Amino acid sequence: MPTGCHPQILVPTREGILDWKEVDWVLDKKNKGVVQNIKQFLPAVLDGHFDLEHTFYYKGDALLDYTTRPLHTINS
């Protein structure tokens, strides 16, 4: 989405309401309005690191650990 573009479109889905938000809002540590793992991987993606496998380890709903590795090592 181009900087300064703020569409006012709310899309209801089974999981909740899809809405455009600023990156700072999404990544705010106190924000409970997004899934917890997005705060882990989104900064890397926004920095252009598209070649990573992101793995999340949960116990129930609690995120226990998060790891990344280069995609080229997945099939090695």
Protein backbone atom coordinates (compact mmCIF):
# COMPACT_ATOMS: atom_id res chain seq x y z
CA MET A 1 0.00 0.00 0.00
CA PRO A 2 1.51 3.36 -0.96
CA THR A 3 2.50 5.68 1.89
CA GLY A 4 -0.28 8.11 2.65
CA CYS A 5 -2.98 5.89 1.14
CA HIS A 6 -5.63 5.12 3.75
CA PRO A 7 -8.50 3.10 2.32
CA GLN A 8 -11.61 3.10 4.48
CA ILE A 9 -12.72 -0.43 3.63
CA LEU A 10 -13.68 -2.83 6.43
CA VAL A 11 -14.20 -6.40 5.31
CA PRO A 12 -15.94 -8.76 7.74
CA THR A 13 -14.59 -12.33 7.70
CA ARG A 14 -15.11 -15.44 9.83
CA GLU A 15 -11.90 -14.61 11.71
CA GLY A 16 -12.78 -10.98 12.35
CA ILE A 17 -12.72 -7.67 10.51
CA LEU A 18 -10.07 -7.11 7.84
CA ASP A 19 -8.88 -3.51 8.04
CA TRP A 20 -5.87 -1.54 6.79
CA LYS A 21 -3.64 -0.34 9.64
CA GLU A 22 -0.34 1.51 9.93
CA VAL A 23 2.72 -0.71 10.49
CA ASP A 24 3.41 0.95 13.85
CA TRP A 25 -0.09 -0.02 15.01
CA VAL A 26 0.37 -3.64 13.89
CA LEU A 27 3.78 -3.98 15.57
CA ASP A 28 2.90 -2.24 18.86
CA LYS A 29 3.80 -4.69 21.68
CA LYS A 30 0.64 -3.74 23.60
CA ASN A 31 -1.62 -4.36 20.60
CA LYS A 32 -3.92 -7.34 21.15
CA GLY A 33 -5.76 -6.74 17.86
CA VAL A 34 -3.48 -8.88 15.70
CA VAL A 35 -2.16 -12.42 15.96
CA GLN A 36 0.96 -12.53 18.11
CA ASN A 37 3.31 -14.07 15.54
CA ILE A 38 2.93 -11.23 13.02
CA LYS A 39 5.02 -9.02 15.32
CA GLN A 40 7.82 -11.59 15.01
CA PHE A 41 8.03 -12.04 11.24
CA LEU A 42 6.66 -8.82 9.73
CA PRO A 43 9.76 -6.66 10.42
CA ALA A 44 11.95 -9.13 8.49
CA VAL A 45 9.52 -9.22 5.58
CA LEU A 46 9.26 -5.42 5.49
CA ASP A 47 13.07 -5.26 5.43
CA GLY A 48 13.06 -7.42 2.28
CA HIS A 49 14.05 -10.74 3.84
CA PHE A 50 11.77 -12.93 1.73
CA ASP A 51 14.14 -15.91 1.75
CA LEU A 52 13.46 -17.08 5.31
CA GLU A 53 11.42 -19.92 6.71
CA HIS A 54 9.65 -18.73 9.86
CA THR A 55 8.81 -21.45 12.39
CA PHE A 56 6.66 -20.84 15.45
CA TYR A 57 6.39 -23.19 18.42
CA TYR A 58 3.26 -23.05 20.56
CA LYS A 59 1.90 -24.75 23.63
CA GLY A 60 -1.83 -24.21 23.41
CA ASP A 61 -2.22 -20.52 22.57
CA ALA A 62 1.15 -19.50 24.08
CA LEU A 63 4.02 -18.75 21.71
CA LEU A 64 7.04 -20.55 23.16
CA ASP A 65 9.71 -19.97 20.53
CA TYR A 66 10.32 -18.58 17.07
CA THR A 67 13.14 -19.47 14.69
CA THR A 68 14.13 -18.57 11.16
CA ARG A 69 16.43 -20.18 8.66
CA PRO A 70 17.30 -19.49 5.05
CA LEU A 71 14.95 -21.20 2.60
CA HIS A 72 17.83 -22.81 0.70
CA THR A 73 18.60 -25.06 3.69
CA ILE A 74 15.09 -26.53 3.94
CA ASN A 75 15.69 -29.31 1.39
CA SER A 76 19.36 -29.82 2.22
